[in-house]
Amino acid sequence: MTKLLPSLAISILLGAGAASASNTFALSEVQGSQTLIELGTVVAGDHGRVAIHDYHAGQKGRLLGSAAVRAGANSDVKVSLTPSTTDKVLAVLLVDGQAVAQQIIRIHN
């Protein structure tokens, strides 16, 4: 029993790390369009959505657009946005309704 507990603890820790590592997006922190965000490859641990929100004064604002993603790697993900004058947005990857990854993106015109 005493040998089983350390092995079980290591398995739980490794499993938790693998789950969080499977929810990512590889996108540029600077984008050139206020109407389209190019996210590149999005990896989701399960089916979900990428939501793009206005971001001002350190606060998440209104939803500007979203796109569905499937479990696994989703290549060339793009999100169309409602027109806005914002210069920063917040990209949020949602799986099972929970935010599992996020990144602030600066919009440069």
Foldseek 3Di string as FASTA:
>chain_A
DVVVVVVVVVVVVVVVVVQLVQFDWDADLEAADQFKGWGFKTAHQAKWKKWKAAADPNDGHDTFWMDIDGHGIDGRDMTTGDHDDGQKIKIFTADPNDTSDIGIHGHDD
